[in-house]
Amino acid sequence: SSLRDVDALSVVADACNLQKEASKRAQEASLKLHLVLMLRTCPLQCSGLVCALGAKHIDVYIAAIGTERRIYMEEMPGVTASSSDRKLSLSWRDGDERRAAHLGEVVPEMAQRSMSLYASLGANETMSVMVLPADLVVGARVPVVLRGRLSGEPRPDGYPGVMDVVCTLRVAP
């Protein structure tokens, strides 16, 4: 009888653990959806800390939301990157300085709204733009803009297919 009680208790404990894990995943998905929708409406201007450099990317830690994002150089039109010993040099391709106005740009009204919206995060401190050419090293502070991106086919439950937080550098010629 005692062995059956242990088996029954084990089944109940397993079911409880599964429910707890499912609840945690649902909570995390809900928080991510809220963040993505908020960033889609009001992009966040803040600073990031370079934590890793690659030949084609920069990994940045954003303390304002407690996450790390990867910035891919190919997603920054007109910017060239060359890596050397623990350094990534960014510059404009010849003639591309004028096309740069849209990179990391935030519409002024949105910037004003986001300043009040994100004030509780301690974000949206006065951030300038990064002037290129520039050399990046691990530990450098960089100005970034975070946006929410929804893409893909909606799921049957109505949620978007793919949702993500996209990070770009705020750069100027």
C-alpha atoms as a PDB file:
ATOM      1  CA  SER A   1       0.000   0.000   0.000  1.00  0.00           C
ATOM      2  CA  SER A   2       2.825   2.392   0.840  1.00  0.00           C
ATOM      3  CA  LEU A   3       4.471   1.721  -2.550  1.00  0.00           C
ATOM      4  CA  ARG A   4       1.215   2.644  -4.327  1.00  0.00           C
ATOM      5  CA  ASP A   5       1.035   5.864  -2.303  1.00  0.00           C
ATOM      6  CA  VAL A   6       4.568   6.769  -3.372  1.00  0.00           C
ATOM      7  CA  ASP A   7       3.738   6.018  -7.033  1.00  0.00           C
ATOM      8  CA  ALA A   8       0.528   8.072  -6.849  1.00  0.00           C
ATOM      9  CA  LEU A   9       2.369  10.945  -5.194  1.00  0.00           C
ATOM     10  CA  SER A  10       5.054  10.773  -7.885  1.00  0.00           C
ATOM     11  CA  VAL A  11       2.409  11.021 -10.641  1.00  0.00           C
ATOM     12  CA  VAL A  12       0.795  14.028  -8.942  1.00  0.00           C
ATOM     13  CA  ALA A  13       4.187  15.720  -8.440  1.00  0.00           C
ATOM     14  CA  ASP A  14       5.089  15.169 -12.122  1.00  0.00           C
ATOM     15  CA  ALA A  15       1.761  16.662 -13.227  1.00  0.00           C
ATOM     16  CA  CYS A  16       2.296  19.682 -10.943  1.00  0.00           C
ATOM     17  CA  ASN A  17       5.807  20.215 -12.305  1.00  0.00           C
ATOM     18  CA  LEU A  18       4.520  20.091 -15.897  1.00  0.00           C
ATOM     19  CA  GLN A  19       1.828  22.652 -15.066  1.00  0.00           C
ATOM     20  CA  LYS A  20       4.379  24.893 -13.357  1.00  0.00           C
ATOM     21  CA  GLU A  21       6.720  24.763 -16.386  1.00  0.00           C
ATOM     22  CA  ALA A  22       3.843  25.471 -18.797  1.00  0.00           C
ATOM     23  CA  SER A  23       2.732  28.408 -16.652  1.00  0.00           C
ATOM     24  CA  LYS A  24       6.263  29.828 -16.598  1.00  0.00           C
ATOM     25  CA  ARG A  25       6.566  29.530 -20.410  1.00  0.00           C
ATOM     26  CA  ALA A  26       3.187  31.252 -20.849  1.00  0.00           C
ATOM     27  CA  GLN A  27       4.236  34.090 -18.542  1.00  0.00           C
ATOM     28  CA  GLU A  28       7.531  34.576 -20.405  1.00  0.00           C
ATOM     29  CA  ALA A  29       5.740  34.578 -23.787  1.00  0.00           C
ATOM     30  CA  SER A  30       3.225  37.121 -22.496  1.00  0.00           C
ATOM     31  CA  LEU A  31       5.984  39.425 -21.231  1.00  0.00           C
ATOM     32  CA  LYS A  32       7.851  39.147 -24.540  1.00  0.00           C
ATOM     33  CA  LEU A  33       4.702  39.917 -26.537  1.00  0.00           C
ATOM     34  CA  HIS A  34       4.004  42.971 -24.362  1.00  0.00           C
ATOM     35  CA  LEU A  35       7.594  44.223 -24.772  1.00  0.00           C
ATOM     36  CA  VAL A  36       7.579  43.701 -28.552  1.00  0.00           C
ATOM     37  CA  LEU A  37       4.244  45.509 -28.970  1.00  0.00           C
ATOM     38  CA  MET A  38       5.410  48.371 -26.739  1.00  0.00           C
ATOM     39  CA  LEU A  39       8.693  48.723 -28.672  1.00  0.00           C
ATOM     40  CA  ARG A  40       6.788  48.557 -31.949  1.00  0.00           C
ATOM     41  CA  THR A  41       4.684  51.539 -30.866  1.00  0.00           C
ATOM     42  CA  CYS A  42       7.479  53.488 -29.151  1.00  0.00           C
ATOM     43  CA  PRO A  43      11.073  52.576 -30.027  1.00  0.00           C
ATOM     44  CA  LEU A  44      13.454  52.802 -27.069  1.00  0.00           C
ATOM     45  CA  GLN A  45      16.608  54.920 -27.335  1.00  0.00           C
ATOM     46  CA  CYS A  46      19.206  53.875 -24.804  1.00  0.00           C
ATOM     47  CA  SER A  47      22.806  52.857 -24.418  1.00  0.00           C
ATOM     48  CA  GLY A  48      24.211  49.396 -24.762  1.00  0.00           C
ATOM     49  CA  LEU A  49      27.436  47.804 -23.630  1.00  0.00           C
ATOM     50  CA  VAL A  50      29.453  45.940 -26.266  1.00  0.00           C
ATOM     51  CA  CYS A  51      30.006  42.460 -24.825  1.00  0.00           C
ATOM     52  CA  ALA A  52      31.293  40.614 -27.914  1.00  0.00           C
ATOM     53  CA  LEU A  53      32.564  41.451 -31.378  1.00  0.00           C
ATOM     54  CA  GLY A  54      32.556  39.334 -34.501  1.00  0.00           C
ATOM     55  CA  ALA A  55      33.632  40.043 -38.059  1.00  0.00           C
ATOM     56  CA  LYS A  56      29.998  40.645 -39.082  1.00  0.00           C
ATOM     57  CA  HIS A  57      28.178  41.403 -35.820  1.00  0.00           C
ATOM     58  CA  ILE A  58      28.215  43.151 -32.452  1.00  0.00           C
ATOM     59  CA  ASP A  59      26.655  41.683 -29.303  1.00  0.00           C
ATOM     60  CA  VAL A  60      25.284  44.412 -27.044  1.00  0.00           C
ATOM     61  CA  TYR A  61      23.926  44.129 -23.503  1.00  0.00           C
ATOM     62  CA  ILE A  62      21.016  46.514 -22.904  1.00  0.00           C
ATOM     63  CA  ALA A  63      20.662  47.099 -19.165  1.00  0.00           C
ATOM     64  CA  ALA A  64      17.367  49.005 -19.582  1.00  0.00           C
ATOM     65  CA  ILE A  65      15.566  45.762 -20.430  1.00  0.00           C
ATOM     66  CA  GLY A  66      18.111  43.280 -19.100  1.00  0.00           C
ATOM     67  CA  THR A  67      18.841  41.478 -22.342  1.00  0.00           C
ATOM     68  CA  GLU A  68      21.544  40.931 -24.915  1.00  0.00           C
ATOM     69  CA  ARG A  69      20.928  41.624 -28.607  1.00  0.00           C
ATOM     70  CA  ARG A  70      23.019  40.967 -31.700  1.00  0.00           C
ATOM     71  CA  ILE A  71      23.448  43.696 -34.309  1.00  0.00           C
ATOM     72  CA  TYR A  72      24.314  42.348 -37.765  1.00  0.00           C
ATOM     73  CA  MET A  73      26.415  44.596 -39.974  1.00  0.00           C
ATOM     74  CA  GLU A  74      24.595  43.478 -43.138  1.00  0.00           C
ATOM     75  CA  GLU A  75      21.417  45.045 -41.691  1.00  0.00           C
ATOM     76  CA  MET A  76      23.129  48.450 -41.661  1.00  0.00           C
ATOM     77  CA  PRO A  77      23.149  49.594 -45.304  1.00  0.00           C
ATOM     78  CA  GLY A  78      26.070  51.783 -46.251  1.00  0.00           C
ATOM     79  CA  VAL A  79      28.191  50.745 -43.256  1.00  0.00           C
ATOM     80  CA  THR A  80      31.312  48.649 -43.686  1.00  0.00           C
ATOM     81  CA  ALA A  81      32.968  46.749 -40.875  1.00  0.00           C
ATOM     82  CA  SER A  82      36.506  45.455 -40.662  1.00  0.00           C
ATOM     83  CA  SER A  83      37.770  43.500 -37.712  1.00  0.00           C
ATOM     84  CA  SER A  84      41.267  43.374 -36.349  1.00  0.00           C
ATOM     85  CA  ASP A  85      42.779  42.313 -33.058  1.00  0.00           C
ATOM     86  CA  ARG A  86      39.874  42.721 -30.568  1.00  0.00           C
ATOM     87  CA  LYS A  87      38.498  45.724 -32.455  1.00  0.00           C
ATOM     88  CA  LEU A  88      35.752  46.321 -35.025  1.00  0.00           C
ATOM     89  CA  SER A  89      36.158  49.392 -37.225  1.00  0.00           C
ATOM     90  CA  LEU A  90      32.971  50.866 -38.687  1.00  0.00           C
ATOM     91  CA  SER A  91      32.893  53.344 -41.550  1.00  0.00           C
ATOM     92  CA  TRP A  92      30.654  54.510 -44.365  1.00  0.00           C
ATOM     93  CA  ARG A  93      31.025  53.080 -47.832  1.00  0.00           C
ATOM     94  CA  ASP A  94      32.052  55.806 -50.271  1.00  0.00           C
ATOM     95  CA  GLY A  95      29.073  58.027 -51.053  1.00  0.00           C
ATOM     96  CA  ASP A  96      26.722  56.392 -48.524  1.00  0.00           C
ATOM     97  CA  GLU A  97      26.895  59.095 -45.840  1.00  0.00           C
ATOM     98  CA  ARG A  98      23.757  60.808 -47.156  1.00  0.00           C
ATOM     99  CA  ARG A  99      21.716  57.609 -47.126  1.00  0.00           C
ATOM    100  CA  ALA A 100      22.447  57.160 -43.441  1.00  0.00           C
ATOM    101  CA  ALA A 101      19.764  59.487 -42.133  1.00  0.00           C
ATOM    102  CA  HIS A 102      17.264  56.662 -41.567  1.00  0.00           C
ATOM    103  CA  LEU A 103      19.580  54.400 -39.567  1.00  0.00           C
ATOM    104  CA  GLY A 104      18.648  54.449 -35.919  1.00  0.00           C
ATOM    105  CA  GLU A 105      16.275  57.313 -36.574  1.00  0.00           C
ATOM    106  CA  VAL A 106      13.325  57.791 -34.271  1.00  0.00           C
ATOM    107  CA  VAL A 107      10.441  60.059 -35.214  1.00  0.00           C
ATOM    108  CA  PRO A 108      10.525  63.070 -32.821  1.00  0.00           C
ATOM    109  CA  GLU A 109       6.949  62.571 -31.567  1.00  0.00           C
ATOM    110  CA  MET A 110       7.706  58.921 -30.838  1.00  0.00           C
ATOM    111  CA  ALA A 111      10.902  59.887 -29.046  1.00  0.00           C
ATOM    112  CA  GLN A 112       8.946  62.297 -26.857  1.00  0.00           C
ATOM    113  CA  ARG A 113       6.326  59.626 -26.041  1.00  0.00           C
ATOM    114  CA  SER A 114       8.951  56.992 -25.375  1.00  0.00           C
ATOM    115  CA  MET A 115      10.811  59.272 -22.946  1.00  0.00           C
ATOM    116  CA  SER A 116       7.838  59.354 -20.598  1.00  0.00           C
ATOM    117  CA  LEU A 117       6.858  55.739 -21.270  1.00  0.00           C
ATOM    118  CA  TYR A 118      10.309  54.378 -20.458  1.00  0.00           C
ATOM    119  CA  ALA A 119      11.227  56.815 -17.680  1.00  0.00           C
ATOM    120  CA  SER A 120      10.576  54.106 -15.111  1.00  0.00           C
ATOM    121  CA  LEU A 121      13.210  51.922 -16.787  1.00  0.00           C
ATOM    122  CA  GLY A 122      15.864  54.569 -16.280  1.00  0.00           C
ATOM    123  CA  ALA A 123      16.315  54.495 -20.036  1.00  0.00           C
ATOM    124  CA  ASN A 124      16.150  57.176 -22.701  1.00  0.00           C
ATOM    125  CA  GLU A 125      18.966  59.074 -21.077  1.00  0.00           C
ATOM    126  CA  THR A 126      20.309  61.720 -23.394  1.00  0.00           C
ATOM    127  CA  MET A 127      22.008  59.625 -26.042  1.00  0.00           C
ATOM    128  CA  SER A 128      23.919  61.062 -28.926  1.00  0.00           C
ATOM    129  CA  VAL A 129      24.531  59.249 -32.152  1.00  0.00           C
ATOM    130  CA  MET A 130      27.711  57.372 -32.989  1.00  0.00           C
ATOM    131  CA  VAL A 131      29.728  59.302 -35.549  1.00  0.00           C
ATOM    132  CA  LEU A 132      31.453  57.149 -38.154  1.00  0.00           C
ATOM    133  CA  PRO A 133      34.201  56.208 -38.677  1.00  0.00           C
ATOM    134  CA  ALA A 134      34.508  54.615 -35.238  1.00  0.00           C
ATOM    135  CA  ASP A 135      36.359  51.749 -33.576  1.00  0.00           C
ATOM    136  CA  LEU A 136      34.467  49.453 -31.205  1.00  0.00           C
ATOM    137  CA  VAL A 137      36.000  47.327 -28.473  1.00  0.00           C
ATOM    138  CA  VAL A 138      34.461  45.067 -25.851  1.00  0.00           C
ATOM    139  CA  GLY A 139      33.221  47.213 -22.968  1.00  0.00           C
ATOM    140  CA  ALA A 140      32.413  50.280 -25.086  1.00  0.00           C
ATOM    141  CA  ARG A 141      29.093  52.081 -24.569  1.00  0.00           C
ATOM    142  CA  VAL A 142      27.133  52.561 -27.783  1.00  0.00           C
ATOM    143  CA  PRO A 143      23.870  54.393 -28.554  1.00  0.00           C
ATOM    144  CA  VAL A 144      21.153  51.988 -29.725  1.00  0.00           C
ATOM    145  CA  VAL A 145      17.494  51.989 -30.719  1.00  0.00           C
ATOM    146  CA  LEU A 146      15.277  49.011 -29.834  1.00  0.00           C
ATOM    147  CA  ARG A 147      12.193  48.241 -31.906  1.00  0.00           C
ATOM    148  CA  GLY A 148       9.608  45.487 -31.824  1.00  0.00           C
ATOM    149  CA  ARG A 149       9.184  43.384 -34.952  1.00  0.00           C
ATOM    150  CA  LEU A 150       6.226  41.151 -35.756  1.00  0.00           C
ATOM    151  CA  SER A 151       6.425  38.950 -38.820  1.00  0.00           C
ATOM    152  CA  GLY A 152       5.190  35.704 -40.255  1.00  0.00           C
ATOM    153  CA  GLU A 153       1.743  34.211 -40.425  1.00  0.00           C
ATOM    154  CA  PRO A 154      -0.446  34.614 -37.350  1.00  0.00           C
ATOM    155  CA  ARG A 155      -0.942  31.466 -35.330  1.00  0.00           C
ATOM    156  CA  PRO A 156      -4.430  29.969 -34.931  1.00  0.00           C
ATOM    157  CA  ASP A 157      -4.695  31.512 -31.448  1.00  0.00           C
ATOM    158  CA  GLY A 158      -4.279  34.997 -32.959  1.00  0.00           C
ATOM    159  CA  TYR A 159      -0.724  35.684 -31.806  1.00  0.00           C
ATOM    160  CA  PRO A 160       1.832  36.767 -34.417  1.00  0.00           C
ATOM    161  CA  GLY A 161       4.030  34.084 -35.953  1.00  0.00           C
ATOM    162  CA  VAL A 162       7.401  35.597 -35.055  1.00  0.00           C
ATOM    163  CA  MET A 163       8.041  38.412 -32.607  1.00  0.00           C
ATOM    164  CA  ASP A 164      11.422  39.830 -31.745  1.00  0.00           C
ATOM    165  CA  VAL A 165      13.238  42.836 -30.324  1.00  0.00           C
ATOM    166  CA  VAL A 166      15.484  44.362 -32.985  1.00  0.00           C
ATOM    167  CA  CYS A 167      18.497  46.454 -32.009  1.00  0.00           C
ATOM    168  CA  THR A 168      20.264  48.970 -34.271  1.00  0.00           C
ATOM    169  CA  LEU A 169      23.125  51.375 -33.668  1.00  0.00           C
ATOM    170  CA  ARG A 170      22.331  55.095 -33.792  1.00  0.00           C
ATOM    171  CA  VAL A 171      24.923  56.308 -36.278  1.00  0.00           C
ATOM    172  CA  ALA A 172      25.629  59.517 -38.191  1.00  0.00           C
ATOM    173  CA  PRO A 173      28.165  60.502 -40.835  1.00  0.00           C
END
